[in-house]
């Protein structure tokens, strides 16, 4: 084999790996959402230590192909959605409560 053939083969394998990881993330995300019953766009409340929080789930962040935690956009004290966001760590996920389901 020539170096060009090997490089082409490497590129093809990297594309296959990339597609495989994307599919794994997709399936793991579905299982994560089913486990917690909460998806992106849902309004939730939870306890962050001793502090009650309220926000809208903005995204699910991954570590490799596994969902790690929810990321929520926080409400301001006036009740409007703000610019700040926070991670909902695994110890806080247990306290998550659905306030409103997204459309």
C-alpha atoms as a PDB file:
ATOM      1  CA  UNK A   1       0.000   0.000   0.000  1.00  0.00           C
ATOM      2  CA  UNK A   2       1.067   3.528  -0.630  1.00  0.00           C
ATOM      3  CA  UNK A   3       0.977   6.342   1.900  1.00  0.00           C
ATOM      4  CA  UNK A   4      -1.877   7.962  -0.061  1.00  0.00           C
ATOM      5  CA  UNK A   5      -3.943   4.765   0.143  1.00  0.00           C
ATOM      6  CA  UNK A   6      -3.296   4.481   3.852  1.00  0.00           C
ATOM      7  CA  UNK A   7      -4.265   8.108   4.415  1.00  0.00           C
ATOM      8  CA  UNK A   8      -7.464   7.577   2.435  1.00  0.00           C
ATOM      9  CA  UNK A   9      -8.254   4.470   4.468  1.00  0.00           C
ATOM     10  CA  UNK A  10      -7.578   6.378   7.702  1.00  0.00           C
ATOM     11  CA  UNK A  11      -9.953   9.140   6.633  1.00  0.00           C
ATOM     12  CA  UNK A  12     -12.690   6.597   5.853  1.00  0.00           C
ATOM     13  CA  UNK A  13     -12.194   4.885   9.219  1.00  0.00           C
ATOM     14  CA  UNK A  14     -12.307   8.217  11.055  1.00  0.00           C
ATOM     15  CA  UNK A  15     -15.583   9.055   9.298  1.00  0.00           C
ATOM     16  CA  UNK A  16     -17.040   5.687  10.335  1.00  0.00           C
ATOM     17  CA  UNK A  17     -15.897   6.210  13.938  1.00  0.00           C
ATOM     18  CA  UNK A  18     -17.357   9.687  13.987  1.00  0.00           C
ATOM     19  CA  UNK A  19     -20.720   8.422  12.729  1.00  0.00           C
ATOM     20  CA  UNK A  20     -20.646   5.564  15.249  1.00  0.00           C
ATOM     21  CA  UNK A  21     -20.008   7.981  18.142  1.00  0.00           C
ATOM     22  CA  UNK A  22     -22.800  10.282  16.947  1.00  0.00           C
ATOM     23  CA  UNK A  23     -25.246   7.358  16.951  1.00  0.00           C
ATOM     24  CA  UNK A  24     -24.077   6.237  20.404  1.00  0.00           C
ATOM     25  CA  UNK A  25     -24.596   9.765  21.783  1.00  0.00           C
ATOM     26  CA  UNK A  26     -28.067   9.873  20.232  1.00  0.00           C
ATOM     27  CA  UNK A  27     -29.104   6.553  21.814  1.00  0.00           C
ATOM     28  CA  UNK A  28     -27.547   7.438  25.170  1.00  0.00           C
ATOM     29  CA  UNK A  29     -29.305  10.812  25.133  1.00  0.00           C
ATOM     30  CA  UNK A  30     -32.673   9.111  24.603  1.00  0.00           C
ATOM     31  CA  UNK A  31     -32.000   6.773  27.551  1.00  0.00           C
ATOM     32  CA  UNK A  32     -30.880   9.743  29.720  1.00  0.00           C
ATOM     33  CA  UNK A  33     -34.063  11.681  28.909  1.00  0.00           C
ATOM     34  CA  UNK A  34     -36.248   8.632  29.583  1.00  0.00           C
ATOM     35  CA  UNK A  35     -34.464   7.978  32.889  1.00  0.00           C
ATOM     36  CA  UNK A  36     -35.004  11.516  34.207  1.00  0.00           C
ATOM     37  CA  UNK A  37     -38.147  12.438  32.259  1.00  0.00           C
ATOM     38  CA  UNK A  38     -36.695  15.827  31.338  1.00  0.00           C
ATOM     39  CA  UNK A  39     -35.658  17.115  27.909  1.00  0.00           C
ATOM     40  CA  UNK A  40     -34.168  20.265  26.414  1.00  0.00           C
ATOM     41  CA  UNK A  41     -36.669  23.136  26.635  1.00  0.00           C
ATOM     42  CA  UNK A  42     -38.396  21.895  29.800  1.00  0.00           C
ATOM     43  CA  UNK A  43     -38.747  24.276  32.749  1.00  0.00           C
ATOM     44  CA  UNK A  44     -37.484  22.711  35.973  1.00  0.00           C
ATOM     45  CA  UNK A  45     -36.803  23.419  39.630  1.00  0.00           C
ATOM     46  CA  UNK A  46     -34.082  21.783  41.705  1.00  0.00           C
ATOM     47  CA  UNK A  47     -31.959  22.184  44.791  1.00  0.00           C
ATOM     48  CA  UNK A  48     -28.364  23.265  44.235  1.00  0.00           C
ATOM     49  CA  UNK A  49     -27.024  22.309  47.635  1.00  0.00           C
ATOM     50  CA  UNK A  50     -29.304  24.332  49.929  1.00  0.00           C
ATOM     51  CA  UNK A  51     -30.255  26.839  47.218  1.00  0.00           C
ATOM     52  CA  UNK A  52     -33.481  26.384  45.246  1.00  0.00           C
ATOM     53  CA  UNK A  53     -33.037  27.052  41.523  1.00  0.00           C
ATOM     54  CA  UNK A  54     -35.388  27.405  38.581  1.00  0.00           C
ATOM     55  CA  UNK A  55     -34.490  27.351  34.911  1.00  0.00           C
ATOM     56  CA  UNK A  56     -35.013  25.987  31.439  1.00  0.00           C
ATOM     57  CA  UNK A  57     -32.946  23.053  30.221  1.00  0.00           C
ATOM     58  CA  UNK A  58     -30.739  24.475  27.456  1.00  0.00           C
ATOM     59  CA  UNK A  59     -28.720  21.401  26.578  1.00  0.00           C
ATOM     60  CA  UNK A  60     -27.431  18.029  27.664  1.00  0.00           C
ATOM     61  CA  UNK A  61     -23.652  17.904  27.876  1.00  0.00           C
ATOM     62  CA  UNK A  62     -21.664  14.782  27.135  1.00  0.00           C
ATOM     63  CA  UNK A  63     -18.418  13.210  28.227  1.00  0.00           C
ATOM     64  CA  UNK A  64     -17.444  11.203  25.179  1.00  0.00           C
ATOM     65  CA  UNK A  65     -20.608   9.372  24.180  1.00  0.00           C
ATOM     66  CA  UNK A  66     -22.282   9.479  27.615  1.00  0.00           C
ATOM     67  CA  UNK A  67     -24.559  12.264  28.868  1.00  0.00           C
ATOM     68  CA  UNK A  68     -22.979  13.876  31.898  1.00  0.00           C
ATOM     69  CA  UNK A  69     -25.441  16.490  33.062  1.00  0.00           C
ATOM     70  CA  UNK A  70     -28.124  18.981  32.136  1.00  0.00           C
ATOM     71  CA  UNK A  71     -27.248  22.610  31.536  1.00  0.00           C
ATOM     72  CA  UNK A  72     -30.004  25.044  32.524  1.00  0.00           C
ATOM     73  CA  UNK A  73     -30.580  28.715  31.732  1.00  0.00           C
ATOM     74  CA  UNK A  74     -31.565  30.398  35.003  1.00  0.00           C
ATOM     75  CA  UNK A  75     -34.495  32.699  35.651  1.00  0.00           C
ATOM     76  CA  UNK A  76     -33.784  36.192  37.023  1.00  0.00           C
ATOM     77  CA  UNK A  77     -35.299  37.352  40.315  1.00  0.00           C
ATOM     78  CA  UNK A  78     -37.989  39.157  38.273  1.00  0.00           C
ATOM     79  CA  UNK A  79     -39.124  35.815  36.809  1.00  0.00           C
ATOM     80  CA  UNK A  80     -37.719  36.330  33.306  1.00  0.00           C
ATOM     81  CA  UNK A  81     -35.249  34.007  31.656  1.00  0.00           C
ATOM     82  CA  UNK A  82     -31.773  35.440  32.107  1.00  0.00           C
ATOM     83  CA  UNK A  83     -28.407  35.025  30.430  1.00  0.00           C
ATOM     84  CA  UNK A  84     -26.751  32.970  33.178  1.00  0.00           C
ATOM     85  CA  UNK A  85     -26.630  29.218  32.955  1.00  0.00           C
ATOM     86  CA  UNK A  86     -25.503  26.452  35.264  1.00  0.00           C
ATOM     87  CA  UNK A  87     -24.843  22.759  35.229  1.00  0.00           C
ATOM     88  CA  UNK A  88     -27.184  20.500  37.123  1.00  0.00           C
ATOM     89  CA  UNK A  89     -24.727  18.080  38.677  1.00  0.00           C
ATOM     90  CA  UNK A  90     -25.529  14.427  39.334  1.00  0.00           C
ATOM     91  CA  UNK A  91     -26.185  15.042  43.057  1.00  0.00           C
ATOM     92  CA  UNK A  92     -28.801  17.669  42.122  1.00  0.00           C
ATOM     93  CA  UNK A  93     -30.527  15.608  39.418  1.00  0.00           C
ATOM     94  CA  UNK A  94     -32.356  13.666  42.136  1.00  0.00           C
ATOM     95  CA  UNK A  95     -34.116  16.874  43.203  1.00  0.00           C
ATOM     96  CA  UNK A  96     -35.195  17.889  39.657  1.00  0.00           C
ATOM     97  CA  UNK A  97     -38.914  18.632  39.370  1.00  0.00           C
ATOM     98  CA  UNK A  98     -40.741  19.394  36.144  1.00  0.00           C
ATOM     99  CA  UNK A  99     -42.509  22.780  36.171  1.00  0.00           C
ATOM    100  CA  UNK A 100     -43.535  22.920  32.505  1.00  0.00           C
ATOM    101  CA  UNK A 101     -42.935  20.627  29.536  1.00  0.00           C
ATOM    102  CA  UNK A 102     -41.594  22.213  26.343  1.00  0.00           C
ATOM    103  CA  UNK A 103     -43.851  22.384  23.298  1.00  0.00           C
END
